[in-house]
Amino acid sequence: MTTEHIEVLVEEPSMEACLRGLLPRLIGGMATFEIYPSQCKTELLRNLPDRLRGYASWLPTTWRVVVIVDRDEEDCHRLKRRLEHMALQAGLTTRSTGAANWRMVNRIAIEELEAWFFGDMDAIRAAYHGVPKTLEKKHQFRDPDAIRGGTWEALERVLQQAGHFRGGLRKTEVARELGQRLDPARNRSHSFQVFCDAVLEAAS
């Protein structure tokens, strides 16, 4: 089945800003897309059941839905089951069922969007001069998805130490800047790679 369009639901404007720079390069002209941000994760999850029931009532067979949320402090498997249950209740077949004609896929950024940025330190250094070339060799940054204490807080510290964002990290601005530079071929974040694989399958 050819996919013509992908609807992407995200929890906040910073993820939207990142994806608007990334998706055109990731899927090229394979499919069109639109991104719909909520203001926070709580709002997205609260409204998602109704949103999915709406999609189930009219979604063309050539369209697919992608939902992305941050794991934050939640159990990843429990969160995924919750998202899958919402889709099942709405009548939408998900990629996780193994069905060839799946309509939607749920993906989790572990633990936050900023882990995807730490997966591509070359992109960070290209956007923000002064970030050490050996940063990813330090123990706490070797696995982008396992950075403790909050990845956006860690990114803020790294950029402030390099002389940027002295007044505090502007998350949407950074996401917009780095979304244009993230390279899936070199990104070390496993959750980022899983997301890219799902989007490429959706667009194929």
Protein backbone atom coordinates (compact mmCIF):
# COMPACT_ATOMS: atom_id res chain seq x y z
CA MET A 1 0.00 0.00 0.00
CA THR A 2 1.41 3.38 -1.01
CA THR A 3 1.48 6.04 1.70
CA GLU A 4 0.71 9.55 0.52
CA HIS A 5 0.54 11.46 3.81
CA ILE A 6 1.61 11.14 7.46
CA GLU A 7 -0.10 12.84 10.39
CA VAL A 8 2.33 13.39 13.28
CA LEU A 9 1.09 14.10 16.81
CA VAL A 10 3.66 15.43 19.28
CA GLU A 11 3.54 16.65 22.86
CA GLU A 12 5.11 20.10 22.55
CA PRO A 13 6.25 22.82 20.11
CA SER A 14 9.95 21.94 20.47
CA MET A 15 9.39 18.48 18.97
CA GLU A 16 7.41 20.06 16.14
CA ALA A 17 10.26 22.50 15.48
CA CYS A 18 12.77 19.66 15.36
CA LEU A 19 10.70 17.49 13.04
CA ARG A 20 10.01 20.30 10.58
CA GLY A 21 13.75 20.42 9.97
CA LEU A 22 14.27 16.65 10.04
CA LEU A 23 11.34 15.07 8.19
CA PRO A 24 11.81 16.72 4.78
CA ARG A 25 15.35 15.33 4.73
CA LEU A 26 14.35 11.94 6.15
CA ILE A 27 11.45 11.07 3.85
CA GLY A 28 12.15 13.43 0.96
CA GLY A 29 9.30 13.34 -1.52
CA MET A 30 8.02 9.91 -0.50
CA ALA A 31 5.02 11.38 1.34
CA THR A 32 3.65 14.66 2.62
CA PHE A 33 3.29 15.27 6.34
CA GLU A 34 1.73 17.58 8.90
CA ILE A 35 2.68 17.98 12.56
CA TYR A 36 0.24 18.81 15.35
CA PRO A 37 1.80 19.85 18.67
CA SER A 38 0.12 19.87 22.06
CA GLN A 39 1.32 22.16 24.82
CA CYS A 40 2.52 19.28 27.02
CA LYS A 41 2.53 15.51 27.37
CA THR A 42 -0.46 15.54 29.73
CA GLU A 43 -2.57 17.41 27.19
CA LEU A 44 -1.59 15.10 24.34
CA LEU A 45 -2.43 11.96 26.30
CA ARG A 46 -5.69 13.42 27.60
CA ASN A 47 -6.91 14.29 24.12
CA LEU A 48 -5.43 11.34 22.25
CA PRO A 49 -8.34 8.86 22.59
CA ASP A 50 -10.81 11.30 21.02
CA ARG A 51 -8.28 12.31 18.40
CA LEU A 52 -7.67 8.70 17.38
CA ARG A 53 -11.39 7.91 17.22
CA GLY A 54 -11.72 10.87 14.91
CA TYR A 55 -8.96 9.55 12.66
CA ALA A 56 -10.53 6.09 12.62
CA SER A 57 -13.73 7.58 11.24
CA TRP A 58 -12.21 9.28 8.20
CA LEU A 59 -8.51 8.46 7.70
CA PRO A 60 -7.84 7.60 4.03
CA THR A 61 -6.19 4.24 3.41
CA THR A 62 -3.12 6.04 2.05
CA TRP A 63 -2.57 8.05 5.26
CA ARG A 64 -0.82 6.98 8.45
CA VAL A 65 -0.54 8.43 11.96
CA VAL A 66 2.64 8.74 14.04
CA VAL A 67 2.45 9.59 17.77
CA ILE A 68 5.60 10.68 19.63
CA VAL A 69 5.91 11.25 23.37
CA ASP A 70 8.82 11.62 25.79
CA ARG A 71 9.33 8.82 28.27
CA ASP A 72 10.35 11.23 31.05
CA GLU A 73 10.24 9.26 34.30
CA GLU A 74 7.63 6.73 33.17
CA ASP A 75 8.16 3.04 32.61
CA CYS A 76 8.73 2.77 28.86
CA HIS A 77 6.81 -0.49 28.41
CA ARG A 78 3.84 0.70 30.44
CA LEU A 79 3.68 3.93 28.46
CA LYS A 80 3.85 2.03 25.17
CA ARG A 81 1.05 -0.30 26.29
CA ARG A 82 -1.07 2.71 27.20
CA LEU A 83 -0.60 4.22 23.76
CA GLU A 84 -1.28 0.92 22.02
CA HIS A 85 -4.46 0.44 24.05
CA MET A 86 -5.73 3.87 23.00
CA ALA A 87 -5.20 2.94 19.35
CA LEU A 88 -6.92 -0.42 19.78
CA GLN A 89 -9.89 1.18 21.49
CA ALA A 90 -10.16 3.69 18.65
CA GLY A 91 -10.08 0.94 16.03
CA LEU A 92 -6.68 1.76 14.53
CA THR A 93 -4.23 -1.04 13.74
CA THR A 94 -0.71 -0.25 14.97
CA ARG A 95 2.68 -1.25 13.63
CA SER A 96 3.33 -3.24 16.81
CA THR A 97 0.61 -5.75 15.87
CA GLY A 98 2.71 -6.91 12.92
CA ALA A 99 -0.09 -6.26 10.44
CA ALA A 100 1.09 -5.25 6.98
CA ASN A 101 -1.66 -2.64 6.63
CA TRP A 102 -1.06 -0.87 9.97
CA ARG A 103 -2.51 2.62 10.26
CA MET A 104 -0.47 4.18 13.07
CA VAL A 105 2.73 3.82 15.06
CA ASN A 106 3.61 4.96 18.58
CA ARG A 107 7.16 6.07 19.33
CA ILE A 108 8.82 7.17 22.58
CA ALA A 109 11.78 9.55 22.89
CA ILE A 110 13.97 8.20 25.69
CA GLU A 111 14.03 10.03 27.94
CA GLU A 112 13.37 13.33 26.16
CA LEU A 113 13.81 14.95 22.76
CA GLU A 114 17.18 16.33 23.82
CA ALA A 115 18.60 12.77 23.97
CA TRP A 116 18.23 12.74 20.19
CA PHE A 117 20.40 15.86 20.06
CA PHE A 118 23.09 14.28 22.24
CA GLY A 119 23.07 11.38 19.77
CA ASP A 120 24.54 13.70 17.16
CA MET A 121 27.25 15.80 18.79
CA ASP A 122 28.48 16.90 15.37
CA ALA A 123 25.14 18.63 14.84
CA ILE A 124 25.40 20.35 18.23
CA ARG A 125 28.94 21.55 17.51
CA ALA A 126 27.96 22.78 14.04
CA ALA A 127 25.19 24.91 15.54
CA TYR A 128 26.95 26.04 18.73
CA HIS A 129 30.68 26.74 18.71
CA GLY A 130 32.72 25.95 21.77
CA VAL A 131 31.19 22.57 22.63
CA PRO A 132 34.13 20.19 23.33
CA LYS A 133 34.98 17.66 20.64
CA THR A 134 35.48 14.96 23.26
CA LEU A 135 32.19 15.43 25.09
CA GLU A 136 30.60 12.20 23.84
CA LYS A 137 33.57 10.23 25.18
CA LYS A 138 32.71 11.19 28.75
CA HIS A 139 30.95 8.44 30.66
CA GLN A 140 27.66 10.32 31.20
CA PHE A 141 27.28 11.09 27.48
CA ARG A 142 28.29 7.78 25.89
CA ASP A 143 24.69 6.54 25.71
CA PRO A 144 22.39 9.47 24.80
CA ASP A 145 19.29 7.56 25.96
CA ALA A 146 20.79 6.91 29.41
CA ILE A 147 21.80 10.44 30.43
CA ARG A 148 20.70 10.95 34.02
CA GLY A 149 19.16 14.01 35.61
CA GLY A 150 17.22 15.20 32.58
CA THR A 151 18.58 15.57 29.06
CA TRP A 152 17.34 19.11 28.49
CA GLU A 153 19.01 20.20 31.73
CA ALA A 154 22.21 18.47 30.59
CA LEU A 155 22.03 20.18 27.21
CA GLU A 156 21.48 23.55 28.89
CA ARG A 157 24.61 23.02 31.02
CA VAL A 158 26.71 21.98 28.02
CA LEU A 159 25.63 24.95 25.93
CA GLN A 160 25.99 27.43 28.79
CA GLN A 161 29.51 26.18 29.48
CA ALA A 162 30.25 26.87 25.81
CA GLY A 163 28.95 30.44 26.22
CA HIS A 164 25.39 30.08 24.93
CA PHE A 165 21.96 30.67 26.53
CA ARG A 166 23.21 32.34 29.69
CA GLY A 167 19.63 33.31 30.47
CA GLY A 168 18.34 29.75 30.09
CA LEU A 169 17.89 27.25 27.30
CA ARG A 170 15.34 28.27 24.68
CA LYS A 171 14.10 24.78 23.85
CA THR A 172 12.11 25.50 20.70
CA GLU A 173 14.88 27.62 19.22
CA VAL A 174 17.46 24.91 19.86
CA ALA A 175 15.14 22.22 18.48
CA ARG A 176 14.59 24.21 15.30
CA GLU A 177 18.33 24.75 14.87
CA LEU A 178 19.33 21.14 15.50
CA GLY A 179 16.42 19.57 13.62
CA GLN A 180 17.95 20.97 10.44
CA ARG A 181 21.26 19.29 11.23
CA LEU A 182 20.49 15.87 12.76
CA ASP A 183 21.93 13.09 10.62
CA PRO A 184 20.21 9.70 11.06
CA ALA A 185 23.27 7.93 9.64
CA ARG A 186 25.46 9.01 12.55
CA ASN A 187 22.98 9.49 15.40
CA ARG A 188 23.82 7.29 18.42
CA SER A 189 20.40 7.51 20.10
CA HIS A 190 18.62 4.17 19.82
CA SER A 191 15.19 5.74 20.35
CA PHE A 192 15.96 8.18 17.52
CA GLN A 193 16.91 5.32 15.19
CA VAL A 194 13.73 3.41 16.09
CA PHE A 195 11.68 6.53 15.34
CA CYS A 196 13.39 7.06 11.97
CA ASP A 197 12.87 3.42 10.98
CA ALA A 198 9.14 3.67 11.74
CA VAL A 199 8.73 6.90 9.79
CA LEU A 200 10.62 5.52 6.80
CA GLU A 201 8.40 2.42 6.84
CA ALA A 202 5.32 4.61 7.10
CA ALA A 203 6.44 6.68 4.12
CA SER A 204 7.47 3.74 1.95
